[in-house]
PDB file of N, CA and C in Angstrom:
ATOM      1  N   UNK A   1      89.356  88.645  91.161  1.00  0.00           N
ATOM      2  CA  UNK A   1      89.252  87.331  90.568  1.00  0.00           C
ATOM      3  C   UNK A   1      90.331  87.207  89.502  1.00  0.00           C
ATOM      4  N   UNK A   2      91.078  86.135  89.532  1.00  0.00           N
ATOM      5  CA  UNK A   2      92.151  85.954  88.567  1.00  0.00           C
ATOM      6  C   UNK A   2      91.732  84.962  87.503  1.00  0.00           C
ATOM      7  N   UNK A   3      92.330  85.121  86.347  1.00  0.00           N
ATOM      8  CA  UNK A   3      92.051  84.206  85.249  1.00  0.00           C
ATOM      9  C   UNK A   3      92.995  83.013  85.328  1.00  0.00           C
ATOM     10  N   UNK A   4      92.537  81.836  84.939  1.00  0.00           N
ATOM     11  CA  UNK A   4      93.454  80.702  84.855  1.00  0.00           C
ATOM     12  C   UNK A   4      94.560  80.997  83.847  1.00  0.00           C
ATOM     13  N   UNK A   5      95.683  80.349  84.008  1.00  0.00           N
ATOM     14  CA  UNK A   5      96.832  80.595  83.142  1.00  0.00           C
ATOM     15  C   UNK A   5      96.465  80.436  81.673  1.00  0.00           C
ATOM     16  N   UNK A   6      95.636  79.472  81.344  1.00  0.00           N
ATOM     17  CA  UNK A   6      95.288  79.216  79.951  1.00  0.00           C
ATOM     18  C   UNK A   6      94.532  80.383  79.317  1.00  0.00           C
ATOM     19  N   UNK A   7      93.862  81.226  80.135  1.00  0.00           N
ATOM     20  CA  UNK A   7      93.075  82.332  79.595  1.00  0.00           C
ATOM     21  C   UNK A   7      93.857  83.631  79.463  1.00  0.00           C
ATOM     22  N   UNK A   8      95.029  83.705  80.070  1.00  0.00           N
ATOM     23  CA  UNK A   8      95.794  84.944  80.004  1.00  0.00           C
ATOM     24  C   UNK A   8      96.540  85.021  78.686  1.00  0.00           C
ATOM     25  N   UNK A   9      96.665  86.230  78.176  1.00  0.00           N
ATOM     26  CA  UNK A   9      97.362  86.443  76.911  1.00  0.00           C
ATOM     27  C   UNK A   9      98.450  87.483  77.120  1.00  0.00           C
ATOM     28  N   UNK A  10      99.584  87.336  76.433  1.00  0.00           N
ATOM     29  CA  UNK A  10     100.625  88.350  76.566  1.00  0.00           C
ATOM     30  C   UNK A  10     100.165  89.673  75.956  1.00  0.00           C
ATOM     31  N   UNK A  11     100.730  90.759  76.437  1.00  0.00           N
ATOM     32  CA  UNK A  11     100.406  92.080  75.892  1.00  0.00           C
ATOM     33  C   UNK A  11     100.819  92.128  74.430  1.00  0.00           C
ATOM     34  N   UNK A  12     100.140  92.994  73.675  1.00  0.00           N
ATOM     35  CA  UNK A  12     100.440  93.123  72.253  1.00  0.00           C
ATOM     36  C   UNK A  12     101.909  93.500  72.075  1.00  0.00           C
ATOM     37  N   UNK A  13     102.604  92.782  71.235  1.00  0.00           N
ATOM     38  CA  UNK A  13     104.005  93.060  70.963  1.00  0.00           C
ATOM     39  C   UNK A  13     104.957  92.362  71.925  1.00  0.00           C
ATOM     40  N   UNK A  14     104.436  91.770  72.997  1.00  0.00           N
ATOM     41  CA  UNK A  14     105.291  91.088  73.964  1.00  0.00           C
ATOM     42  C   UNK A  14     105.491  89.642  73.525  1.00  0.00           C
ATOM     43  N   UNK A  15     106.621  89.090  73.893  1.00  0.00           N
ATOM     44  CA  UNK A  15     106.861  87.687  73.580  1.00  0.00           C
ATOM     45  C   UNK A  15     106.204  86.848  74.661  1.00  0.00           C
ATOM     46  N   UNK A  16     105.704  85.706  74.279  1.00  0.00           N
ATOM     47  CA  UNK A  16     105.005  84.834  75.216  1.00  0.00           C
ATOM     48  C   UNK A  16     106.015  84.112  76.100  1.00  0.00           C
ATOM     49  N   UNK A  17     105.885  84.287  77.398  1.00  0.00           N
ATOM     50  CA  UNK A  17     106.741  83.582  78.354  1.00  0.00           C
ATOM     51  C   UNK A  17     106.015  82.311  78.776  1.00  0.00           C
ATOM     52  N   UNK A  18     106.764  81.289  79.143  1.00  0.00           N
ATOM     53  CA  UNK A  18     106.094  80.069  79.592  1.00  0.00           C
ATOM     54  C   UNK A  18     105.311  80.363  80.872  1.00  0.00           C
ATOM     55  N   UNK A  19     104.144  79.735  81.057  1.00  0.00           N
ATOM     56  CA  UNK A  19     103.342  79.992  82.261  1.00  0.00           C
ATOM     57  C   UNK A  19     104.091  79.540  83.510  1.00  0.00           C
ATOM     58  N   UNK A  20     103.786  80.183  84.626  1.00  0.00           N
ATOM     59  CA  UNK A  20     104.406  79.813  85.897  1.00  0.00           C
ATOM     60  C   UNK A  20     103.768  78.544  86.428  1.00  0.00           C
ATOM     61  N   UNK A  21     104.573  77.740  87.072  1.00  0.00           N
ATOM     62  CA  UNK A  21     104.047  76.500  87.642  1.00  0.00           C
ATOM     63  C   UNK A  21     103.125  76.822  88.817  1.00  0.00           C
ATOM     64  N   UNK A  22     102.209  75.921  89.136  1.00  0.00           N
ATOM     65  CA  UNK A  22     101.301  76.165  90.262  1.00  0.00           C
ATOM     66  C   UNK A  22     102.039  76.440  91.575  1.00  0.00           C
ATOM     67  N   UNK A  23     103.153  75.754  91.809  1.00  0.00           N
ATOM     68  CA  UNK A  23     103.880  75.978  93.068  1.00  0.00           C
ATOM     69  C   UNK A  23     104.497  77.374  93.107  1.00  0.00           C
ATOM     70  N   UNK A  24     104.992  77.861  91.975  1.00  0.00           N
ATOM     71  CA  UNK A  24     105.556  79.212  91.922  1.00  0.00           C
ATOM     72  C   UNK A  24     104.449  80.235  92.113  1.00  0.00           C
ATOM     73  N   UNK A  25     103.297  80.021  91.474  1.00  0.00           N
ATOM     74  CA  UNK A  25     102.164  80.944  91.626  1.00  0.00           C
ATOM     75  C   UNK A  25     101.697  80.994  93.085  1.00  0.00           C
ATOM     76  N   UNK A  26     101.632  79.825  93.750  1.00  0.00           N
ATOM     77  CA  UNK A  26     101.247  79.777  95.167  1.00  0.00           C
ATOM     78  C   UNK A  26     102.236  80.554  96.023  1.00  0.00           C
ATOM     79  N   UNK A  27     103.524  80.330  95.775  1.00  0.00           N
ATOM     80  CA  UNK A  27     104.566  81.013  96.546  1.00  0.00           C
ATOM     81  C   UNK A  27     104.474  82.526  96.350  1.00  0.00           C
ATOM     82  N   UNK A  28     104.315  82.965  95.118  1.00  0.00           N
ATOM     83  CA  UNK A  28     104.189  84.398  94.849  1.00  0.00           C
ATOM     84  C   UNK A  28     102.948  84.974  95.528  1.00  0.00           C
ATOM     85  N   UNK A  29     101.844  84.267  95.448  1.00  0.00           N
ATOM     86  CA  UNK A  29     100.613  84.727  96.073  1.00  0.00           C
ATOM     87  C   UNK A  29     100.761  84.876  97.579  1.00  0.00           C
ATOM     88  N   UNK A  30     101.352  83.872  98.233  1.00  0.00           N
ATOM     89  CA  UNK A  30     101.556  83.941  99.686  1.00  0.00           C
ATOM     90  C   UNK A  30     102.491  85.082 100.049  1.00  0.00           C
ATOM     91  N   UNK A  31     103.548  85.254  99.269  1.00  0.00           N
ATOM     92  CA  UNK A  31     104.515  86.322  99.547  1.00  0.00           C
ATOM     93  C   UNK A  31     103.882  87.695  99.390  1.00  0.00           C
ATOM     94  N   UNK A  32     103.112  87.895  98.333  1.00  0.00           N
ATOM     95  CA  UNK A  32     102.464  89.191  98.107  1.00  0.00           C
ATOM     96  C   UNK A  32     101.415  89.482  99.180  1.00  0.00           C
ATOM     97  N   UNK A  33     100.622  88.474  99.533  1.00  0.00           N
ATOM     98  CA  UNK A  33      99.624  88.674 100.594  1.00  0.00           C
ATOM     99  C   UNK A  33     100.305  89.052 101.900  1.00  0.00           C
ATOM    100  N   UNK A  34     101.392  88.380 102.224  1.00  0.00           N
ATOM    101  CA  UNK A  34     102.126  88.672 103.451  1.00  0.00           C
ATOM    102  C   UNK A  34     102.703  90.082 103.420  1.00  0.00           C
ATOM    103  N   UNK A  35     103.260  90.456 102.284  1.00  0.00           N
ATOM    104  CA  UNK A  35     103.892  91.772 102.136  1.00  0.00           C
ATOM    105  C   UNK A  35     102.883  92.908 102.253  1.00  0.00           C
ATOM    106  N   UNK A  36     101.702  92.733 101.684  1.00  0.00           N
ATOM    107  CA  UNK A  36     100.706  93.804 101.644  1.00  0.00           C
ATOM    108  C   UNK A  36      99.633  93.710 102.728  1.00  0.00           C
ATOM    109  N   UNK A  37      99.692  92.724 103.617  1.00  0.00           N
ATOM    110  CA  UNK A  37      98.658  92.529 104.639  1.00  0.00           C
ATOM    111  C   UNK A  37      98.500  93.760 105.527  1.00  0.00           C
ATOM    112  N   UNK A  38      99.591  94.384 105.928  1.00  0.00           N
ATOM    113  CA  UNK A  38      99.510  95.554 106.802  1.00  0.00           C
ATOM    114  C   UNK A  38      98.837  96.733 106.116  1.00  0.00           C
ATOM    115  N   UNK A  39      99.057  96.892 104.828  1.00  0.00           N
ATOM    116  CA  UNK A  39      98.474  98.045 104.130  1.00  0.00           C
ATOM    117  C   UNK A  39      96.951  97.943 104.043  1.00  0.00           C
ATOM    118  N   UNK A  40      96.400  96.751 104.161  1.00  0.00           N
ATOM    119  CA  UNK A  40      94.947  96.592 104.110  1.00  0.00           C
ATOM    120  C   UNK A  40      94.266  97.081 105.375  1.00  0.00           C
ATOM    121  N   UNK A  41      95.012  97.180 106.474  1.00  0.00           N
ATOM    122  CA  UNK A  41      94.433  97.631 107.741  1.00  0.00           C
ATOM    123  C   UNK A  41      94.678  99.116 107.995  1.00  0.00           C
ATOM    124  N   UNK A  42      95.516  99.748 107.185  1.00  0.00           N
ATOM    125  CA  UNK A  42      95.801 101.169 107.353  1.00  0.00           C
ATOM    126  C   UNK A  42      94.645 102.009 106.814  1.00  0.00           C
ATOM    127  N   UNK A  43      94.447 103.214 107.376  1.00  0.00           N
ATOM    128  CA  UNK A  43      93.384 104.079 106.860  1.00  0.00           C
ATOM    129  C   UNK A  43      93.710 104.556 105.439  1.00  0.00           C
ATOM    130  N   UNK A  44      92.650 104.807 104.685  1.00  0.00           N
ATOM    131  CA  UNK A  44      92.812 105.250 103.296  1.00  0.00           C
ATOM    132  C   UNK A  44      93.096 106.752 103.277  1.00  0.00           C
ATOM    133  N   UNK A  45      94.045 107.156 102.462  1.00  0.00           N
ATOM    134  CA  UNK A  45      94.396 108.559 102.290  1.00  0.00           C
ATOM    135  C   UNK A  45      93.161 109.345 101.840  1.00  0.00           C
ATOM    136  N   UNK A  46      93.014 110.576 102.325  1.00  0.00           N
ATOM    137  CA  UNK A  46      91.840 111.398 102.009  1.00  0.00           C
ATOM    138  C   UNK A  46      91.696 111.633 100.504  1.00  0.00           C
ATOM    139  N   UNK A  47      92.804 111.863  99.821  1.00  0.00           N
ATOM    140  CA  UNK A  47      92.751 112.096  98.369  1.00  0.00           C
ATOM    141  C   UNK A  47      92.255 110.840  97.645  1.00  0.00           C
ATOM    142  N   UNK A  48      92.725 109.696  98.088  1.00  0.00           N
ATOM    143  CA  UNK A  48      92.288 108.440  97.481  1.00  0.00           C
ATOM    144  C   UNK A  48      90.804 108.202  97.747  1.00  0.00           C
ATOM    145  N   UNK A  49      90.340 108.531  98.947  1.00  0.00           N
ATOM    146  CA  UNK A  49      88.916 108.405  99.259  1.00  0.00           C
ATOM    147  C   UNK A  49      88.072 109.256  98.316  1.00  0.00           C
ATOM    148  N   UNK A  50      88.535 110.478  98.039  1.00  0.00           N
ATOM    149  CA  UNK A  50      87.821 111.378  97.132  1.00  0.00           C
ATOM    150  C   UNK A  50      87.752 110.790  95.733  1.00  0.00           C
ATOM    151  N   UNK A  51      88.865 110.235  95.271  1.00  0.00           N
ATOM    152  CA  UNK A  51      88.886 109.627  93.930  1.00  0.00           C
ATOM    153  C   UNK A  51      87.958 108.420  93.848  1.00  0.00           C
ATOM    154  N   UNK A  52      87.937 107.618  94.898  1.00  0.00           N
ATOM    155  CA  UNK A  52      87.053 106.452  94.922  1.00  0.00           C
ATOM    156  C   UNK A  52      85.599 106.901  94.915  1.00  0.00           C
ATOM    157  N   UNK A  53      85.293 107.942  95.668  1.00  0.00           N
ATOM    158  CA  UNK A  53      83.923 108.470  95.695  1.00  0.00           C
ATOM    159  C   UNK A  53      83.511 108.952  94.306  1.00  0.00           C
ATOM    160  N   UNK A  54      84.434 109.561  93.584  1.00  0.00           N
ATOM    161  CA  UNK A  54      84.133 110.019  92.223  1.00  0.00           C
ATOM    162  C   UNK A  54      83.824 108.846  91.311  1.00  0.00           C
ATOM    163  N   UNK A  55      84.498 107.720  91.518  1.00  0.00           N
ATOM    164  CA  UNK A  55      84.222 106.529  90.708  1.00  0.00           C
ATOM    165  C   UNK A  55      82.826 105.989  90.990  1.00  0.00           C
ATOM    166  N   UNK A  56      82.370 106.146  92.223  1.00  0.00           N
ATOM    167  CA  UNK A  56      81.039 105.668  92.607  1.00  0.00           C
ATOM    168  C   UNK A  56      79.922 106.572  92.110  1.00  0.00           C
ATOM    169  N   UNK A  57      80.246 107.796  91.692  1.00  0.00           N
ATOM    170  CA  UNK A  57      79.245 108.752  91.225  1.00  0.00           C
ATOM    171  C   UNK A  57      78.893 108.459  89.766  1.00  0.00           C
ATOM    172  N   UNK A  58      77.596 108.406  89.432  1.00  0.00           N
ATOM    173  CA  UNK A  58      77.217 108.198  88.027  1.00  0.00           C
ATOM    174  C   UNK A  58      77.825 109.290  87.143  1.00  0.00           C
ATOM    175  N   UNK A  59      78.203 108.937  85.926  1.00  0.00           N
ATOM    176  CA  UNK A  59      78.906 109.860  85.040  1.00  0.00           C
ATOM    177  C   UNK A  59      78.131 111.128  84.736  1.00  0.00           C
ATOM    178  N   UNK A  60      76.830 111.061  84.618  1.00  0.00           N
ATOM    179  CA  UNK A  60      76.073 112.257  84.273  1.00  0.00           C
ATOM    180  C   UNK A  60      76.061 113.285  85.409  1.00  0.00           C
ATOM    181  N   UNK A  61      76.481 112.897  86.618  1.00  0.00           N
ATOM    182  CA  UNK A  61      76.524 113.829  87.736  1.00  0.00           C
ATOM    183  C   UNK A  61      77.918 114.374  87.999  1.00  0.00           C
ATOM    184  N   UNK A  62      78.942 113.845  87.342  1.00  0.00           N
ATOM    185  CA  UNK A  62      80.311 114.322  87.560  1.00  0.00           C
ATOM    186  C   UNK A  62      80.549 115.587  86.775  1.00  0.00           C
ATOM    187  N   UNK A  63      81.465 116.383  87.246  1.00  0.00           N
ATOM    188  CA  UNK A  63      81.817 117.615  86.539  1.00  0.00           C
ATOM    189  C   UNK A  63      83.187 117.444  85.908  1.00  0.00           C
ATOM    190  N   UNK A  64      83.408 118.101  84.820  1.00  0.00           N
ATOM    191  CA  UNK A  64      84.721 118.050  84.172  1.00  0.00           C
ATOM    192  C   UNK A  64      85.640 119.008  84.902  1.00  0.00           C
ATOM    193  N   UNK A  65      86.781 118.481  85.407  1.00  0.00           N
ATOM    194  CA  UNK A  65      87.712 119.362  86.098  1.00  0.00           C
ATOM    195  C   UNK A  65      89.036 119.424  85.395  1.00  0.00           C
TER     196      UNK A  65
END
């Protein structure tokens, strides 16, 4: 879920850039979705699966490694 432009704030110490126009945001969104569409259908790397599983585990059951 993305925040509307009015709710976003620049990072601390960064200068505020003017917000992107709706047409530029739409174009960027379509381009990024198109670029990354194939990666959503690829299988997840085993190491990444393990890390995701660790995130799903309650903290009191995780071990310090």
